[in-house]
Amino acid sequence: MHADTRPHPVIGLYVRAATLEAAEQIALVVWRCALNDLHWLRAWTLLRAEVPLIPIDADWPL
């Protein structure tokens, strides 16, 4: 979590998915699950779920 970023905090996580759209959906599901367990997050509103494309090295275990 990057709480000092402006204008909004950023929560980062690593997601492996077949497509960018699938990765963004997974990030959204993770956020919703976090809201159920971490009630203090409910003070925040998810503005967007974006996933940058990071190339995976051929030696990275699948």
Protein backbone atom coordinates (compact mmCIF):
# COMPACT_ATOMS: atom_id res chain seq x y z
CA MET A 1 0.00 0.00 0.00
CA HIS A 2 1.25 3.46 -0.91
CA ALA A 3 -0.77 5.71 1.40
CA ASP A 4 1.29 8.83 0.66
CA THR A 5 0.59 8.96 -3.07
CA ARG A 6 -1.38 11.94 -4.28
CA PRO A 7 -4.12 12.58 -4.95
CA HIS A 8 -5.19 9.06 -3.86
CA PRO A 9 -3.62 6.09 -2.06
CA VAL A 10 -2.51 3.18 -4.24
CA ILE A 11 -2.76 -0.49 -3.33
CA GLY A 12 -0.50 -2.68 -5.41
CA LEU A 13 -0.62 -6.43 -5.93
CA TYR A 14 0.77 -8.96 -8.34
CA VAL A 15 -1.74 -10.85 -10.48
CA ARG A 16 -1.14 -13.57 -13.03
CA ALA A 17 -3.85 -13.86 -15.64
CA ALA A 18 -4.25 -14.83 -19.28
CA THR A 19 -5.42 -11.36 -20.35
CA LEU A 20 -5.24 -7.79 -19.16
CA GLU A 21 -9.03 -7.72 -18.74
CA ALA A 22 -8.92 -10.85 -16.58
CA ALA A 23 -6.16 -9.34 -14.42
CA GLU A 24 -8.19 -6.18 -13.85
CA GLN A 25 -11.25 -8.26 -12.90
CA ILE A 26 -9.15 -10.26 -10.44
CA ALA A 27 -7.87 -7.01 -8.89
CA LEU A 28 -11.47 -5.87 -8.47
CA VAL A 29 -12.44 -9.15 -6.79
CA VAL A 30 -9.45 -8.87 -4.43
CA TRP A 31 -10.56 -5.34 -3.47
CA ARG A 32 -14.09 -6.52 -2.73
CA CYS A 33 -12.80 -9.40 -0.60
CA ALA A 34 -10.51 -7.02 1.28
CA LEU A 35 -13.50 -4.81 2.10
CA ASN A 36 -15.19 -7.78 3.79
CA ASP A 37 -12.18 -8.53 6.00
CA LEU A 38 -10.64 -5.09 6.53
CA HIS A 39 -13.46 -2.84 7.60
CA TRP A 40 -11.21 0.25 7.80
CA LEU A 41 -10.93 0.12 4.00
CA ARG A 42 -14.63 0.92 3.71
CA ALA A 43 -13.77 4.58 4.23
CA TRP A 44 -12.18 4.49 0.76
CA THR A 45 -13.80 4.21 -2.64
CA LEU A 46 -12.24 2.24 -5.48
CA LEU A 47 -11.74 4.73 -8.29
CA ARG A 48 -10.31 2.30 -10.81
CA ALA A 49 -8.58 -1.07 -11.13
CA GLU A 50 -5.67 -0.90 -13.55
CA VAL A 51 -3.01 -3.44 -14.25
CA PRO A 52 0.22 -2.55 -16.02
CA LEU A 53 1.60 -5.16 -18.39
CA ILE A 54 4.85 -6.59 -17.07
CA PRO A 55 6.65 -9.01 -19.37
CA ILE A 56 7.43 -12.30 -17.71
CA ASP A 57 10.94 -13.60 -18.13
CA ALA A 58 11.08 -16.95 -19.91
CA ASP A 59 12.80 -18.41 -16.82
CA TRP A 60 9.95 -17.36 -14.49
CA PRO A 61 8.25 -20.52 -13.23
CA LEU A 62 4.67 -20.88 -14.41
